[in-house]
Structures are given as C-alpha cells and as structure tokens.
C-alpha atoms as a PDB file:
ATOM      1  CA  UNK A   1     -25.373 -17.901 -26.535  1.00  0.00           C
ATOM      2  CA  UNK A   2     -26.934 -14.390 -25.150  1.00  0.00           C
ATOM      3  CA  UNK A   3     -26.337 -15.243 -21.877  1.00  0.00           C
ATOM      4  CA  UNK A   4     -22.445 -15.990 -22.426  1.00  0.00           C
ATOM      5  CA  UNK A   5     -22.348 -12.456 -24.003  1.00  0.00           C
ATOM      6  CA  UNK A   6     -23.964 -10.786 -20.998  1.00  0.00           C
ATOM      7  CA  UNK A   7     -22.037 -12.706 -18.787  1.00  0.00           C
ATOM      8  CA  UNK A   8     -18.620 -11.261 -20.512  1.00  0.00           C
ATOM      9  CA  UNK A   9     -20.240  -8.069 -20.724  1.00  0.00           C
ATOM     10  CA  UNK A  10     -21.113  -7.747 -16.989  1.00  0.00           C
ATOM     11  CA  UNK A  11     -17.588  -8.972 -16.194  1.00  0.00           C
ATOM     12  CA  UNK A  12     -15.882  -6.280 -18.187  1.00  0.00           C
ATOM     13  CA  UNK A  13     -17.695  -3.693 -16.554  1.00  0.00           C
ATOM     14  CA  UNK A  14     -16.682  -5.018 -13.068  1.00  0.00           C
ATOM     15  CA  UNK A  15     -13.314  -4.924 -14.260  1.00  0.00           C
ATOM     16  CA  UNK A  16     -13.620  -1.038 -15.354  1.00  0.00           C
ATOM     17  CA  UNK A  17     -15.041  -0.599 -12.006  1.00  0.00           C
ATOM     18  CA  UNK A  18     -12.025  -1.748 -10.036  1.00  0.00           C
ATOM     19  CA  UNK A  19      -9.718   0.246 -12.028  1.00  0.00           C
ATOM     20  CA  UNK A  20     -10.534   3.640 -10.310  1.00  0.00           C
ATOM     21  CA  UNK A  21      -6.528   4.553 -10.367  1.00  0.00           C
ATOM     22  CA  UNK A  22      -5.731   7.402 -12.661  1.00  0.00           C
ATOM     23  CA  UNK A  23      -3.610   7.048 -15.610  1.00  0.00           C
ATOM     24  CA  UNK A  24      -0.708   9.035 -13.771  1.00  0.00           C
ATOM     25  CA  UNK A  25      -0.848   7.174 -10.356  1.00  0.00           C
ATOM     26  CA  UNK A  26       2.582   6.210 -10.471  1.00  0.00           C
ATOM     27  CA  UNK A  27       3.923   9.951 -10.818  1.00  0.00           C
ATOM     28  CA  UNK A  28       1.582  10.990  -8.168  1.00  0.00           C
ATOM     29  CA  UNK A  29       2.790   8.098  -6.012  1.00  0.00           C
ATOM     30  CA  UNK A  30       6.376   9.385  -6.743  1.00  0.00           C
ATOM     31  CA  UNK A  31       5.369  13.231  -6.076  1.00  0.00           C
ATOM     32  CA  UNK A  32       3.658  12.074  -2.605  1.00  0.00           C
ATOM     33  CA  UNK A  33       6.833  10.152  -1.612  1.00  0.00           C
ATOM     34  CA  UNK A  34       9.148  12.934  -2.597  1.00  0.00           C
ATOM     35  CA  UNK A  35       7.342  15.418  -0.529  1.00  0.00           C
ATOM     36  CA  UNK A  36       7.007  13.217   2.511  1.00  0.00           C
ATOM     37  CA  UNK A  37      10.998  12.818   2.185  1.00  0.00           C
ATOM     38  CA  UNK A  38      11.405  16.497   1.971  1.00  0.00           C
ATOM     39  CA  UNK A  39       9.124  16.697   5.059  1.00  0.00           C
ATOM     40  CA  UNK A  40      11.755  14.381   7.067  1.00  0.00           C
ATOM     41  CA  UNK A  41      14.536  17.127   6.274  1.00  0.00           C
ATOM     42  CA  UNK A  42      15.963  15.191   3.296  1.00  0.00           C
ATOM     43  CA  UNK A  43      16.637  16.801   0.114  1.00  0.00           C
ATOM     44  CA  UNK A  44      16.675  14.945  -3.023  1.00  0.00           C
ATOM     45  CA  UNK A  45      18.762  16.782  -6.019  1.00  0.00           C
ATOM     46  CA  UNK A  46      16.683  16.721  -8.945  1.00  0.00           C
END
C-alpha cells in the first residue's frame, strides 16, 4: 500500500517537472508570432 502511494507521488512530481510552460505561454507565442510578422513588413490591424 505504501509503495503504491510512493509511486503515484513520484509520477505526479514527474508530471509537474514536465510542465515547465508558463501560464501565459499561448499569449507569449502569439506576441512572438506577431513580432515576426511585423519584421517581415506586414502590419496587422489591431
């Protein structure tokens, strides 16, 4: 029983380590994409 709890805890810790994206990753990616588009000489209306 104790071993099962330890394995579950280890799996949850590994899952947390894999989630290193910030909470605003989507907005950050959109901002980077818009910056790149503007660098290409294309301006998007906001």
